[in-house]
PDB file of N, CA and C in Angstrom:
ATOM      1  N   MET A   1     170.966-118.666 -36.709  1.00  0.00           N
ATOM      2  CA  MET A   1     169.913-118.637 -35.598  1.00  0.00           C
ATOM      3  C   MET A   1     169.404-119.944 -34.841  1.00  0.00           C
ATOM      4  N   GLU A   2     169.558-119.978 -33.754  1.00  0.00           N
ATOM      5  CA  GLU A   2     169.383-121.135 -33.082  1.00  0.00           C
ATOM      6  C   GLU A   2     168.167-120.764 -32.546  1.00  0.00           C
ATOM      7  N   GLY A   3     167.441-121.953 -32.482  1.00  0.00           N
ATOM      8  CA  GLY A   3     166.107-121.967 -31.912  1.00  0.00           C
ATOM      9  C   GLY A   3     165.089-121.386 -32.952  1.00  0.00           C
ATOM     10  N   GLN A   4     165.168-120.496 -34.169  1.00  0.00           N
ATOM     11  CA  GLN A   4     164.211-120.349 -34.972  1.00  0.00           C
ATOM     12  C   GLN A   4     163.815-121.527 -35.848  1.00  0.00           C
ATOM     13  N   MET A   5     162.602-121.460 -36.476  1.00  0.00           N
ATOM     14  CA  MET A   5     162.076-122.306 -37.162  1.00  0.00           C
ATOM     15  C   MET A   5     162.255-121.847 -38.580  1.00  0.00           C
ATOM     16  N   ALA A   6     162.942-122.878 -39.403  1.00  0.00           N
ATOM     17  CA  ALA A   6     163.076-122.488 -40.656  1.00  0.00           C
ATOM     18  C   ALA A   6     161.690-122.617 -41.583  1.00  0.00           C
ATOM     19  N   PHE A   7     162.108-122.046 -42.927  1.00  0.00           N
ATOM     20  CA  PHE A   7     160.988-122.373 -43.837  1.00  0.00           C
ATOM     21  C   PHE A   7     161.114-123.795 -44.063  1.00  0.00           C
ATOM     22  N   GLY A   8     159.657-124.448 -44.204  1.00  0.00           N
ATOM     23  CA  GLY A   8     159.627-125.818 -44.139  1.00  0.00           C
ATOM     24  C   GLY A   8     159.218-126.845 -42.917  1.00  0.00           C
ATOM     25  N   ASP A   9     159.817-126.237 -41.977  1.00  0.00           N
ATOM     26  CA  ASP A   9     159.820-126.931 -40.696  1.00  0.00           C
ATOM     27  C   ASP A   9     158.692-127.120 -40.294  1.00  0.00           C
ATOM     28  N   PRO A  10     158.496-128.895 -39.880  1.00  0.00           N
ATOM     29  CA  PRO A  10     156.769-128.959 -39.787  1.00  0.00           C
ATOM     30  C   PRO A  10     156.547-127.961 -38.386  1.00  0.00           C
ATOM     31  N   VAL A  11     155.232-127.753 -38.424  1.00  0.00           N
ATOM     32  CA  VAL A  11     154.860-126.821 -37.090  1.00  0.00           C
ATOM     33  C   VAL A  11     153.728-127.186 -36.329  1.00  0.00           C
ATOM     34  N   ASP A  12     153.783-127.509 -35.537  1.00  0.00           N
ATOM     35  CA  ASP A  12     152.755-128.146 -33.958  1.00  0.00           C
ATOM     36  C   ASP A  12     151.882-127.138 -33.389  1.00  0.00           C
ATOM     37  N   PRO A  13     151.096-126.579 -33.736  1.00  0.00           N
ATOM     38  CA  PRO A  13     150.945-125.350 -32.805  1.00  0.00           C
ATOM     39  C   PRO A  13     150.056-125.278 -31.407  1.00  0.00           C
ATOM     40  N   VAL A  14     149.967-126.956 -31.218  1.00  0.00           N
ATOM     41  CA  VAL A  14     149.655-127.591 -29.767  1.00  0.00           C
ATOM     42  C   VAL A  14     150.701-128.232 -28.936  1.00  0.00           C
ATOM     43  N   GLY A  15     151.583-128.500 -29.346  1.00  0.00           N
ATOM     44  CA  GLY A  15     153.084-128.745 -28.721  1.00  0.00           C
ATOM     45  C   GLY A  15     152.775-130.416 -28.691  1.00  0.00           C
ATOM     46  N   ALA A  16     152.767-131.207 -27.588  1.00  0.00           N
ATOM     47  CA  ALA A  16     153.019-132.528 -27.762  1.00  0.00           C
ATOM     48  C   ALA A  16     151.471-133.362 -27.776  1.00  0.00           C
ATOM     49  N   VAL A  17     150.084-132.472 -28.080  1.00  0.00           N
ATOM     50  CA  VAL A  17     149.009-132.777 -27.918  1.00  0.00           C
ATOM     51  C   VAL A  17     148.807-133.327 -29.507  1.00  0.00           C
ATOM     52  N   SER A  18     148.107-134.767 -29.572  1.00  0.00           N
ATOM     53  CA  SER A  18     147.762-135.470 -30.770  1.00  0.00           C
ATOM     54  C   SER A  18     146.864-135.005 -31.198  1.00  0.00           C
ATOM     55  N   ARG A  19     146.777-134.920 -32.545  1.00  0.00           N
ATOM     56  CA  ARG A  19     145.372-134.920 -33.344  1.00  0.00           C
ATOM     57  C   ARG A  19     144.285-135.936 -33.023  1.00  0.00           C
ATOM     58  N   ARG A  20     144.794-137.192 -32.309  1.00  0.00           N
ATOM     59  CA  ARG A  20     143.615-137.670 -31.823  1.00  0.00           C
ATOM     60  C   ARG A  20     142.939-137.006 -30.408  1.00  0.00           C
ATOM     61  N   GLU A  21     144.040-136.720 -29.659  1.00  0.00           N
ATOM     62  CA  GLU A  21     143.513-136.047 -28.448  1.00  0.00           C
ATOM     63  C   GLU A  21     142.832-134.882 -28.875  1.00  0.00           C
ATOM     64  N   ARG A  22     142.845-134.222 -29.479  1.00  0.00           N
ATOM     65  CA  ARG A  22     142.267-132.664 -29.483  1.00  0.00           C
ATOM     66  C   ARG A  22     140.980-133.284 -30.349  1.00  0.00           C
ATOM     67  N   TYR A  23     140.560-134.303 -31.231  1.00  0.00           N
ATOM     68  CA  TYR A  23     139.365-134.574 -31.429  1.00  0.00           C
ATOM     69  C   TYR A  23     138.784-135.242 -30.534  1.00  0.00           C
ATOM     70  N   ALA A  24     139.404-136.039 -29.645  1.00  0.00           N
ATOM     71  CA  ALA A  24     138.774-136.480 -28.571  1.00  0.00           C
ATOM     72  C   ALA A  24     138.008-135.139 -27.578  1.00  0.00           C
ATOM     73  N   GLU A  25     138.883-134.496 -27.403  1.00  0.00           N
ATOM     74  CA  GLU A  25     138.687-133.320 -26.378  1.00  0.00           C
ATOM     75  C   GLU A  25     137.321-132.273 -27.141  1.00  0.00           C
ATOM     76  N   ALA A  26     137.518-132.187 -28.542  1.00  0.00           N
ATOM     77  CA  ALA A  26     136.383-131.468 -29.169  1.00  0.00           C
ATOM     78  C   ALA A  26     135.191-132.051 -29.135  1.00  0.00           C
ATOM     79  N   ALA A  27     135.247-133.330 -29.204  1.00  0.00           N
ATOM     80  CA  ALA A  27     133.929-134.226 -29.399  1.00  0.00           C
ATOM     81  C   ALA A  27     133.038-134.301 -27.884  1.00  0.00           C
ATOM     82  N   ALA A  28     133.908-134.313 -26.769  1.00  0.00           N
ATOM     83  CA  ALA A  28     133.197-133.985 -25.657  1.00  0.00           C
ATOM     84  C   ALA A  28     132.769-132.979 -25.140  1.00  0.00           C
ATOM     85  N   ALA A  29     133.328-131.907 -25.818  1.00  0.00           N
ATOM     86  CA  ALA A  29     133.017-130.396 -25.704  1.00  0.00           C
ATOM     87  C   ALA A  29     131.734-130.449 -26.546  1.00  0.00           C
ATOM     88  N   ARG A  30     131.492-130.732 -27.679  1.00  0.00           N
ATOM     89  CA  ARG A  30     130.250-131.222 -28.352  1.00  0.00           C
ATOM     90  C   ARG A  30     129.000-131.706 -27.857  1.00  0.00           C
ATOM     91  N   ASP A  31     129.667-132.873 -27.292  1.00  0.00           N
ATOM     92  CA  ASP A  31     128.566-133.423 -26.550  1.00  0.00           C
ATOM     93  C   ASP A  31     127.855-132.925 -25.029  1.00  0.00           C
ATOM     94  N   GLU A  32     129.009-132.191 -24.709  1.00  0.00           N
ATOM     95  CA  GLU A  32     128.500-131.634 -22.953  1.00  0.00           C
ATOM     96  C   GLU A  32     127.811-130.142 -23.667  1.00  0.00           C
ATOM     97  N   ALA A  33     127.870-129.350 -24.987  1.00  0.00           N
ATOM     98  CA  ALA A  33     127.141-128.467 -24.900  1.00  0.00           C
ATOM     99  C   ALA A  33     125.711-128.912 -25.545  1.00  0.00           C
ATOM    100  N   MET A  34     125.785-129.967 -26.572  1.00  0.00           N
ATOM    101  CA  MET A  34     124.483-130.486 -26.653  1.00  0.00           C
ATOM    102  C   MET A  34     123.669-130.790 -25.830  1.00  0.00           C
ATOM    103  N   GLU A  35     124.131-131.800 -24.683  1.00  0.00           N
ATOM    104  CA  GLU A  35     123.167-131.853 -23.341  1.00  0.00           C
ATOM    105  C   GLU A  35     122.783-130.882 -22.718  1.00  0.00           C
ATOM    106  N   ARG A  36     123.921-129.648 -22.650  1.00  0.00           N
ATOM    107  CA  ARG A  36     123.371-128.623 -21.743  1.00  0.00           C
ATOM    108  C   ARG A  36     122.237-127.936 -22.561  1.00  0.00           C
ATOM    109  N   VAL A  37     122.059-127.935 -23.727  1.00  0.00           N
ATOM    110  CA  VAL A  37     121.089-127.083 -24.839  1.00  0.00           C
ATOM    111  C   VAL A  37     119.529-127.710 -24.757  1.00  0.00           C
ATOM    112  N   GLU A  38     119.872-128.939 -24.507  1.00  0.00           N
ATOM    113  CA  GLU A  38     118.421-129.779 -24.597  1.00  0.00           C
ATOM    114  C   GLU A  38     118.263-129.829 -23.071  1.00  0.00           C
ATOM    115  N   ARG A  39     119.132-129.989 -22.113  1.00  0.00           N
ATOM    116  CA  ARG A  39     118.801-129.469 -20.599  1.00  0.00           C
ATOM    117  C   ARG A  39     117.964-128.022 -20.249  1.00  0.00           C
ATOM    118  N   ASN A  40     118.211-127.134 -20.910  1.00  0.00           N
ATOM    119  CA  ASN A  40     117.821-126.048 -20.932  1.00  0.00           C
ATOM    120  C   ASN A  40     116.309-125.484 -21.729  1.00  0.00           C
ATOM    121  N   ALA A  41     116.292-126.572 -22.377  1.00  0.00           N
ATOM    122  CA  ALA A  41     115.339-126.022 -23.315  1.00  0.00           C
ATOM    123  C   ALA A  41     114.110-126.423 -22.820  1.00  0.00           C
ATOM    124  N   THR A  42     112.878-125.882 -22.959  1.00  0.00           N
ATOM    125  CA  THR A  42     111.427-125.779 -23.071  1.00  0.00           C
ATOM    126  C   THR A  42     110.910-127.340 -23.792  1.00  0.00           C
ATOM    127  N   GLU A  43     109.849-127.706 -22.633  1.00  0.00           N
ATOM    128  CA  GLU A  43     109.773-129.200 -23.592  1.00  0.00           C
ATOM    129  C   GLU A  43     108.978-128.876 -24.641  1.00  0.00           C
ATOM    130  N   GLU A  44     107.841-127.707 -24.822  1.00  0.00           N
ATOM    131  CA  GLU A  44     107.379-127.055 -26.048  1.00  0.00           C
ATOM    132  C   GLU A  44     108.186-126.753 -27.142  1.00  0.00           C
ATOM    133  N   ALA A  45     109.353-126.656 -27.124  1.00  0.00           N
ATOM    134  CA  ALA A  45     110.063-126.389 -28.056  1.00  0.00           C
ATOM    135  C   ALA A  45     110.570-127.495 -28.900  1.00  0.00           C
ATOM    136  N   LYS A  46     111.098-128.393 -27.585  1.00  0.00           N
ATOM    137  CA  LYS A  46     111.744-129.658 -28.093  1.00  0.00           C
ATOM    138  C   LYS A  46     110.377-130.429 -28.748  1.00  0.00           C
ATOM    139  N   ALA A  47     109.644-130.462 -28.382  1.00  0.00           N
ATOM    140  CA  ALA A  47     108.155-130.929 -29.135  1.00  0.00           C
ATOM    141  C   ALA A  47     108.072-130.588 -30.414  1.00  0.00           C
ATOM    142  N   ALA A  48     108.168-129.252 -30.678  1.00  0.00           N
ATOM    143  CA  ALA A  48     107.801-128.675 -32.033  1.00  0.00           C
ATOM    144  C   ALA A  48     109.051-128.933 -32.825  1.00  0.00           C
ATOM    145  N   LEU A  49     110.053-128.943 -32.392  1.00  0.00           N
ATOM    146  CA  LEU A  49     111.204-129.088 -33.553  1.00  0.00           C
ATOM    147  C   LEU A  49     111.393-130.888 -33.641  1.00  0.00           C
ATOM    148  N   ALA A  50     110.831-131.892 -33.179  1.00  0.00           N
ATOM    149  CA  ALA A  50     110.749-132.879 -33.033  1.00  0.00           C
ATOM    150  C   ALA A  50     109.695-133.387 -34.055  1.00  0.00           C
ATOM    151  N   GLU A  51     108.535-132.857 -33.821  1.00  0.00           N
ATOM    152  CA  GLU A  51     107.452-132.555 -35.030  1.00  0.00           C
ATOM    153  C   GLU A  51     107.862-132.398 -36.156  1.00  0.00           C
ATOM    154  N   CYS A  52     108.334-131.133 -36.401  1.00  0.00           N
ATOM    155  CA  CYS A  52     108.814-130.464 -37.650  1.00  0.00           C
ATOM    156  C   CYS A  52     109.864-131.411 -38.289  1.00  0.00           C
ATOM    157  N   LEU A  53     111.119-131.988 -37.711  1.00  0.00           N
ATOM    158  CA  LEU A  53     111.505-133.213 -37.984  1.00  0.00           C
ATOM    159  C   LEU A  53     110.688-134.258 -38.618  1.00  0.00           C
ATOM    160  N   SER A  54     109.829-134.865 -37.636  1.00  0.00           N
ATOM    161  CA  SER A  54     109.129-136.022 -38.374  1.00  0.00           C
ATOM    162  C   SER A  54     108.173-135.610 -39.846  1.00  0.00           C
ATOM    163  N   ILE A  55     107.918-134.616 -39.730  1.00  0.00           N
ATOM    164  CA  ILE A  55     106.969-134.079 -41.241  1.00  0.00           C
ATOM    165  C   ILE A  55     108.179-134.339 -42.343  1.00  0.00           C
ATOM    166  N   CYS A  56     109.235-133.821 -42.095  1.00  0.00           N
ATOM    167  CA  CYS A  56     110.491-133.966 -42.919  1.00  0.00           C
ATOM    168  C   CYS A  56     110.528-135.459 -43.471  1.00  0.00           C
ATOM    169  N   ILE A  57     110.770-135.971 -42.256  1.00  0.00           N
ATOM    170  CA  ILE A  57     110.779-137.956 -42.459  1.00  0.00           C
ATOM    171  C   ILE A  57     109.853-138.394 -43.214  1.00  0.00           C
ATOM    172  N   ARG A  58     108.663-138.041 -42.629  1.00  0.00           N
ATOM    173  CA  ARG A  58     107.255-138.498 -43.379  1.00  0.00           C
ATOM    174  C   ARG A  58     107.078-137.920 -45.083  1.00  0.00           C
ATOM    175  N   LEU A  59     107.875-136.847 -45.328  1.00  0.00           N
ATOM    176  CA  LEU A  59     107.802-136.248 -46.529  1.00  0.00           C
ATOM    177  C   LEU A  59     108.639-137.420 -47.809  1.00  0.00           C
ATOM    178  N   GLY A  60     109.664-138.050 -47.032  1.00  0.00           N
ATOM    179  CA  GLY A  60     110.451-139.147 -47.534  1.00  0.00           C
ATOM    180  C   GLY A  60     111.395-138.665 -48.642  1.00  0.00           C
ATOM    181  N   ARG A  61     111.555-137.250 -48.729  1.00  0.00           N
ATOM    182  CA  ARG A  61     112.981-136.367 -49.580  1.00  0.00           C
ATOM    183  C   ARG A  61     114.003-136.117 -48.506  1.00  0.00           C
ATOM    184  N   GLU A  62     114.977-136.282 -49.246  1.00  0.00           N
ATOM    185  CA  GLU A  62     116.055-135.410 -48.739  1.00  0.00           C
ATOM    186  C   GLU A  62     115.801-134.101 -48.317  1.00  0.00           C
ATOM    187  N   PHE A  63     116.578-133.674 -46.987  1.00  0.00           N
ATOM    188  CA  PHE A  63     116.335-132.506 -46.116  1.00  0.00           C
ATOM    189  C   PHE A  63     117.603-132.001 -45.575  1.00  0.00           C
ATOM    190  N   THR A  64     117.506-130.841 -45.367  1.00  0.00           N
ATOM    191  CA  THR A  64     118.735-130.412 -44.641  1.00  0.00           C
ATOM    192  C   THR A  64     117.968-129.603 -43.198  1.00  0.00           C
ATOM    193  N   SER A  65     118.712-129.039 -42.173  1.00  0.00           N
ATOM    194  CA  SER A  65     118.225-128.433 -41.136  1.00  0.00           C
ATOM    195  C   SER A  65     117.167-127.079 -41.699  1.00  0.00           C
ATOM    196  N   ASP A  66     117.603-126.532 -42.882  1.00  0.00           N
ATOM    197  CA  ASP A  66     116.636-125.535 -43.417  1.00  0.00           C
ATOM    198  C   ASP A  66     115.382-125.826 -43.414  1.00  0.00           C
ATOM    199  N   ASP A  67     114.902-127.155 -43.960  1.00  0.00           N
ATOM    200  CA  ASP A  67     113.847-127.532 -44.043  1.00  0.00           C
ATOM    201  C   ASP A  67     113.010-127.630 -42.658  1.00  0.00           C
ATOM    202  N   VAL A  68     113.688-128.133 -41.447  1.00  0.00           N
ATOM    203  CA  VAL A  68     113.059-128.305 -40.287  1.00  0.00           C
ATOM    204  C   VAL A  68     112.714-127.140 -40.129  1.00  0.00           C
ATOM    205  N   TRP A  69     113.639-126.022 -39.941  1.00  0.00           N
ATOM    206  CA  TRP A  69     113.359-124.707 -39.536  1.00  0.00           C
ATOM    207  C   TRP A  69     112.225-123.986 -40.240  1.00  0.00           C
ATOM    208  N   GLU A  70     111.870-124.063 -41.868  1.00  0.00           N
ATOM    209  CA  GLU A  70     110.917-123.824 -42.500  1.00  0.00           C
ATOM    210  C   GLU A  70     109.197-124.472 -42.049  1.00  0.00           C
ATOM    211  N   TRP A  71     109.814-125.668 -41.200  1.00  0.00           N
ATOM    212  CA  TRP A  71     108.345-126.165 -40.980  1.00  0.00           C
ATOM    213  C   TRP A  71     107.942-125.544 -39.570  1.00  0.00           C
ATOM    214  N   MET A  72     108.818-125.176 -38.803  1.00  0.00           N
ATOM    215  CA  MET A  72     108.872-124.467 -37.400  1.00  0.00           C
ATOM    216  C   MET A  72     107.991-122.965 -37.942  1.00  0.00           C
ATOM    217  N   ASP A  73     108.730-122.456 -38.793  1.00  0.00           N
ATOM    218  CA  ASP A  73     108.134-121.270 -39.566  1.00  0.00           C
ATOM    219  C   ASP A  73     106.599-121.136 -39.980  1.00  0.00           C
ATOM    220  N   ARG A  74     106.378-122.566 -40.003  1.00  0.00           N
ATOM    221  CA  ARG A  74     104.963-122.441 -40.784  1.00  0.00           C
ATOM    222  C   ARG A  74     103.978-122.658 -39.973  1.00  0.00           C
ATOM    223  N   LYS A  75     104.503-123.724 -38.717  1.00  0.00           N
ATOM    224  CA  LYS A  75     103.449-124.250 -38.032  1.00  0.00           C
ATOM    225  C   LYS A  75     103.977-124.055 -36.548  1.00  0.00           C
ATOM    226  N   PHE A  76     104.726-123.707 -36.217  1.00  0.00           N
ATOM    227  CA  PHE A  76     105.097-123.370 -34.804  1.00  0.00           C
ATOM    228  C   PHE A  76     105.904-121.989 -34.118  1.00  0.00           C
ATOM    229  N   ALA A  77     105.518-120.799 -35.445  1.00  0.00           N
ATOM    230  CA  ALA A  77     106.153-119.801 -35.243  1.00  0.00           C
ATOM    231  C   ALA A  77     105.784-118.932 -33.544  1.00  0.00           C
ATOM    232  N   HIS A  78     104.807-119.344 -32.944  1.00  0.00           N
ATOM    233  CA  HIS A  78     104.348-119.109 -31.766  1.00  0.00           C
ATOM    234  C   HIS A  78     105.211-119.355 -30.506  1.00  0.00           C
ATOM    235  N   VAL A  79     106.120-120.553 -30.913  1.00  0.00           N
ATOM    236  CA  VAL A  79     106.779-121.126 -29.895  1.00  0.00           C
ATOM    237  C   VAL A  79     108.128-120.147 -29.606  1.00  0.00           C
ATOM    238  N   GLU A  80     108.646-120.046 -28.526  1.00  0.00           N
ATOM    239  CA  GLU A  80     109.580-119.283 -28.291  1.00  0.00           C
ATOM    240  C   GLU A  80     110.976-120.547 -28.307  1.00  0.00           C
ATOM    241  N   MET A  81     111.556-119.871 -28.946  1.00  0.00           N
ATOM    242  CA  MET A  81     112.981-120.880 -29.473  1.00  0.00           C
ATOM    243  C   MET A  81     114.100-119.729 -29.086  1.00  0.00           C
ATOM    244  N   ARG A  82     114.383-120.369 -27.846  1.00  0.00           N
ATOM    245  CA  ARG A  82     115.442-119.496 -26.739  1.00  0.00           C
ATOM    246  C   ARG A  82     116.900-119.888 -27.445  1.00  0.00           C
ATOM    247  N   GLU A  83     116.928-121.070 -27.947  1.00  0.00           N
ATOM    248  CA  GLU A  83     118.284-121.702 -28.720  1.00  0.00           C
ATOM    249  C   GLU A  83     118.091-122.414 -29.541  1.00  0.00           C
ATOM    250  N   PRO A  84     118.657-121.865 -30.828  1.00  0.00           N
ATOM    251  CA  PRO A  84     118.236-122.638 -32.070  1.00  0.00           C
ATOM    252  C   PRO A  84     119.254-123.936 -32.300  1.00  0.00           C
ATOM    253  N   ARG A  85     120.257-123.929 -31.223  1.00  0.00           N
ATOM    254  CA  ARG A  85     121.351-125.217 -31.168  1.00  0.00           C
ATOM    255  C   ARG A  85     120.556-126.229 -30.901  1.00  0.00           C
ATOM    256  N   LEU A  86     119.155-126.040 -30.360  1.00  0.00           N
ATOM    257  CA  LEU A  86     118.452-127.383 -29.985  1.00  0.00           C
ATOM    258  C   LEU A  86     118.271-128.369 -31.070  1.00  0.00           C
ATOM    259  N   LEU A  87     118.122-127.811 -32.397  1.00  0.00           N
ATOM    260  CA  LEU A  87     117.638-128.738 -33.350  1.00  0.00           C
ATOM    261  C   LEU A  87     118.915-129.940 -33.390  1.00  0.00           C
ATOM    262  N   GLY A  88     120.211-129.463 -33.066  1.00  0.00           N
ATOM    263  CA  GLY A  88     121.133-130.291 -32.873  1.00  0.00           C
ATOM    264  C   GLY A  88     120.860-131.378 -32.443  1.00  0.00           C
ATOM    265  N   PRO A  89     120.684-131.552 -31.066  1.00  0.00           N
ATOM    266  CA  PRO A  89     120.441-132.489 -30.416  1.00  0.00           C
ATOM    267  C   PRO A  89     119.411-133.676 -30.624  1.00  0.00           C
ATOM    268  N   ILE A  90     118.763-132.632 -30.924  1.00  0.00           N
ATOM    269  CA  ILE A  90     116.550-133.518 -31.991  1.00  0.00           C
ATOM    270  C   ILE A  90     117.554-134.420 -33.227  1.00  0.00           C
ATOM    271  N   MET A  91     118.063-133.753 -34.366  1.00  0.00           N
ATOM    272  CA  MET A  91     118.505-134.452 -35.094  1.00  0.00           C
ATOM    273  C   MET A  91     119.584-135.479 -34.798  1.00  0.00           C
ATOM    274  N   ARG A  92     120.346-135.385 -34.207  1.00  0.00           N
ATOM    275  CA  ARG A  92     121.566-136.553 -33.370  1.00  0.00           C
ATOM    276  C   ARG A  92     120.501-137.798 -32.675  1.00  0.00           C
ATOM    277  N   ALA A  93     119.473-137.459 -31.877  1.00  0.00           N
ATOM    278  CA  ALA A  93     118.672-138.415 -31.529  1.00  0.00           C
ATOM    279  C   ALA A  93     118.074-139.256 -32.680  1.00  0.00           C
ATOM    280  N   ALA A  94     117.061-138.744 -33.650  1.00  0.00           N
ATOM    281  CA  ALA A  94     116.775-139.362 -34.657  1.00  0.00           C
ATOM    282  C   ALA A  94     117.691-140.044 -35.461  1.00  0.00           C
ATOM    283  N   SER A  95     118.938-139.769 -35.215  1.00  0.00           N
ATOM    284  CA  SER A  95     120.348-140.372 -36.268  1.00  0.00           C
ATOM    285  C   SER A  95     120.362-141.215 -35.601  1.00  0.00           C
ATOM    286  N   ARG A  96     120.417-141.193 -34.292  1.00  0.00           N
ATOM    287  CA  ARG A  96     120.943-142.557 -33.303  1.00  0.00           C
ATOM    288  C   ARG A  96     119.757-143.747 -33.112  1.00  0.00           C
ATOM    289  N   ALA A  97     118.420-143.407 -33.645  1.00  0.00           N
ATOM    290  CA  ALA A  97     117.341-144.078 -33.465  1.00  0.00           C
ATOM    291  C   ALA A  97     117.490-144.799 -34.467  1.00  0.00           C
ATOM    292  N   GLY A  98     118.189-144.416 -35.723  1.00  0.00           N
ATOM    293  CA  GLY A  98     118.317-144.820 -37.081  1.00  0.00           C
ATOM    294  C   GLY A  98     117.252-144.548 -37.895  1.00  0.00           C
ATOM    295  N   ARG A  99     116.422-143.521 -37.734  1.00  0.00           N
ATOM    296  CA  ARG A  99     115.542-142.804 -38.314  1.00  0.00           C
ATOM    297  C   ARG A  99     116.051-141.723 -39.661  1.00  0.00           C
ATOM    298  N   ILE A 100     116.978-141.339 -39.585  1.00  0.00           N
ATOM    299  CA  ILE A 100     117.539-140.503 -40.832  1.00  0.00           C
ATOM    300  C   ILE A 100     119.503-140.976 -40.651  1.00  0.00           C
ATOM    301  N   GLU A 101     119.671-140.719 -41.871  1.00  0.00           N
ATOM    302  CA  GLU A 101     121.153-140.574 -42.054  1.00  0.00           C
ATOM    303  C   GLU A 101     121.871-139.720 -42.737  1.00  0.00           C
ATOM    304  N   LYS A 102     122.967-139.275 -42.449  1.00  0.00           N
ATOM    305  CA  LYS A 102     123.198-138.350 -43.631  1.00  0.00           C
ATOM    306  C   LYS A 102     124.047-138.993 -44.956  1.00  0.00           C
ATOM    307  N   THR A 103     123.765-138.268 -46.046  1.00  0.00           N
ATOM    308  CA  THR A 103     124.340-138.480 -47.250  1.00  0.00           C
ATOM    309  C   THR A 103     125.453-138.463 -47.391  1.00  0.00           C
ATOM    310  N   GLY A 104     125.961-137.549 -46.995  1.00  0.00           N
ATOM    311  CA  GLY A 104     127.801-137.612 -47.223  1.00  0.00           C
ATOM    312  C   GLY A 104     128.182-136.350 -47.876  1.00  0.00           C
ATOM    313  N   ARG A 105     126.709-135.281 -48.053  1.00  0.00           N
ATOM    314  CA  ARG A 105     126.801-134.295 -49.062  1.00  0.00           C
ATOM    315  C   ARG A 105     126.325-133.255 -48.100  1.00  0.00           C
ATOM    316  N   THR A 106     126.468-131.737 -48.609  1.00  0.00           N
ATOM    317  CA  THR A 106     126.004-130.496 -47.968  1.00  0.00           C
ATOM    318  C   THR A 106     125.361-129.848 -48.613  1.00  0.00           C
ATOM    319  N   ARG A 107     124.638-128.817 -48.651  1.00  0.00           N
ATOM    320  CA  ARG A 107     124.130-127.627 -49.142  1.00  0.00           C
ATOM    321  C   ARG A 107     124.571-126.350 -48.629  1.00  0.00           C
ATOM    322  N   ASP A 108     124.478-125.405 -48.907  1.00  0.00           N
ATOM    323  CA  ASP A 108     124.638-123.970 -48.459  1.00  0.00           C
ATOM    324  C   ASP A 108     123.209-123.550 -47.908  1.00  0.00           C
ATOM    325  N   SER A 109     123.469-123.448 -46.663  1.00  0.00           N
ATOM    326  CA  SER A 109     122.097-123.014 -45.944  1.00  0.00           C
ATOM    327  C   SER A 109     121.248-121.761 -46.790  1.00  0.00           C
ATOM    328  N   ILE A 110     120.005-121.509 -46.747  1.00  0.00           N
ATOM    329  CA  ILE A 110     119.374-120.642 -47.040  1.00  0.00           C
ATOM    330  C   ILE A 110     119.005-119.217 -46.084  1.00  0.00           C
ATOM    331  N   ARG A 111     119.245-119.736 -44.956  1.00  0.00           N
ATOM    332  CA  ARG A 111     118.709-118.976 -43.657  1.00  0.00           C
ATOM    333  C   ARG A 111     119.994-117.832 -43.479  1.00  0.00           C
ATOM    334  N   LYS A 112     119.578-116.680 -43.500  1.00  0.00           N
ATOM    335  CA  LYS A 112     120.154-115.453 -43.081  1.00  0.00           C
ATOM    336  C   LYS A 112     120.737-115.613 -41.760  1.00  0.00           C
ATOM    337  N   GLU A 113     120.463-116.410 -40.945  1.00  0.00           N
ATOM    338  CA  GLU A 113     121.138-116.518 -39.545  1.00  0.00           C
ATOM    339  C   GLU A 113     122.494-117.453 -39.702  1.00  0.00           C
ATOM    340  N   THR A 114     122.497-118.119 -40.693  1.00  0.00           N
ATOM    341  CA  THR A 114     123.695-119.140 -40.792  1.00  0.00           C
ATOM    342  C   THR A 114     124.631-118.615 -41.668  1.00  0.00           C
ATOM    343  N   HIS A 115     124.345-117.342 -42.695  1.00  0.00           N
ATOM    344  CA  HIS A 115     125.370-117.070 -43.460  1.00  0.00           C
ATOM    345  C   HIS A 115     125.624-117.811 -44.503  1.00  0.00           C
ATOM    346  N   MET A 116     124.771-119.024 -45.053  1.00  0.00           N
ATOM    347  CA  MET A 116     125.048-119.604 -46.187  1.00  0.00           C
ATOM    348  C   MET A 116     126.117-120.718 -45.882  1.00  0.00           C
ATOM    349  N   ASN A 117     126.346-120.862 -44.217  1.00  0.00           N
ATOM    350  CA  ASN A 117     126.997-122.068 -43.998  1.00  0.00           C
ATOM    351  C   ASN A 117     126.797-123.446 -44.718  1.00  0.00           C
ATOM    352  N   PRO A 118     127.305-124.398 -44.898  1.00  0.00           N
ATOM    353  CA  PRO A 118     127.277-125.786 -45.400  1.00  0.00           C
ATOM    354  C   PRO A 118     126.651-126.499 -44.315  1.00  0.00           C
ATOM    355  N   LYS A 119     125.589-127.121 -45.147  1.00  0.00           N
ATOM    356  CA  LYS A 119     124.376-128.268 -43.768  1.00  0.00           C
ATOM    357  C   LYS A 119     124.351-129.391 -44.536  1.00  0.00           C
ATOM    358  N   ALA A 120     124.440-130.419 -43.648  1.00  0.00           N
ATOM    359  CA  ALA A 120     124.474-131.677 -44.018  1.00  0.00           C
ATOM    360  C   ALA A 120     123.013-132.240 -44.595  1.00  0.00           C
ATOM    361  N   ILE A 121     122.902-132.864 -45.683  1.00  0.00           N
ATOM    362  CA  ILE A 121     121.725-133.239 -46.363  1.00  0.00           C
ATOM    363  C   ILE A 121     121.417-134.606 -45.581  1.00  0.00           C
ATOM    364  N   TRP A 122     120.274-134.753 -45.219  1.00  0.00           N
ATOM    365  CA  TRP A 122     119.704-136.034 -44.537  1.00  0.00           C
ATOM    366  C   TRP A 122     119.133-136.813 -45.680  1.00  0.00           C
ATOM    367  N   ARG A 123     118.755-137.997 -45.221  1.00  0.00           N
ATOM    368  CA  ARG A 123     117.433-138.661 -45.613  1.00  0.00           C
ATOM    369  C   ARG A 123     116.920-139.844 -44.766  1.00  0.00           C
ATOM    370  N   VAL A 124     115.710-140.157 -44.994  1.00  0.00           N
ATOM    371  CA  VAL A 124     115.065-141.122 -44.572  1.00  0.00           C
ATOM    372  C   VAL A 124     116.297-143.013 -44.542  1.00  0.00           C
ATOM    373  N   ARG A 125     116.392-142.989 -43.220  1.00  0.00           N
ATOM    374  CA  ARG A 125     117.061-144.376 -43.226  1.00  0.00           C
ATOM    375  C   ARG A 125     116.275-145.591 -43.707  1.00  0.00           C
ATOM    376  N   SER A 126     116.605-146.624 -44.432  1.00  0.00           N
ATOM    377  CA  SER A 126     115.374-147.516 -44.797  1.00  0.00           C
ATOM    378  C   SER A 126     116.207-148.799 -44.524  1.00  0.00           C
TER     379      SER A 126
END
């Protein structure tokens, strides 16, 4: 049967596009989405999330985004949060500023909205 693949043949589902090119495209799409989310967020929401992240940093313990959201629920429940993905750019900015770093480990989320997805564990950068 000419033209058919045999069992064990290598499969390239995207044709000639390399893994490196796909990674670059995915990273660019991520960056654009994070910029759009941050651009469209209210200053109040940005400030509230930044304050909650700062609390987690001041505590000096390892934490996940769940901990930041817990502080949001405690201190800023009144703040309208149109886009929960806003925490991504806030965390990224803190990481790039050298305030926090990933530990390389994850913990399953306890937030119902995230369906127990694994979340990065962060620590204060020393």
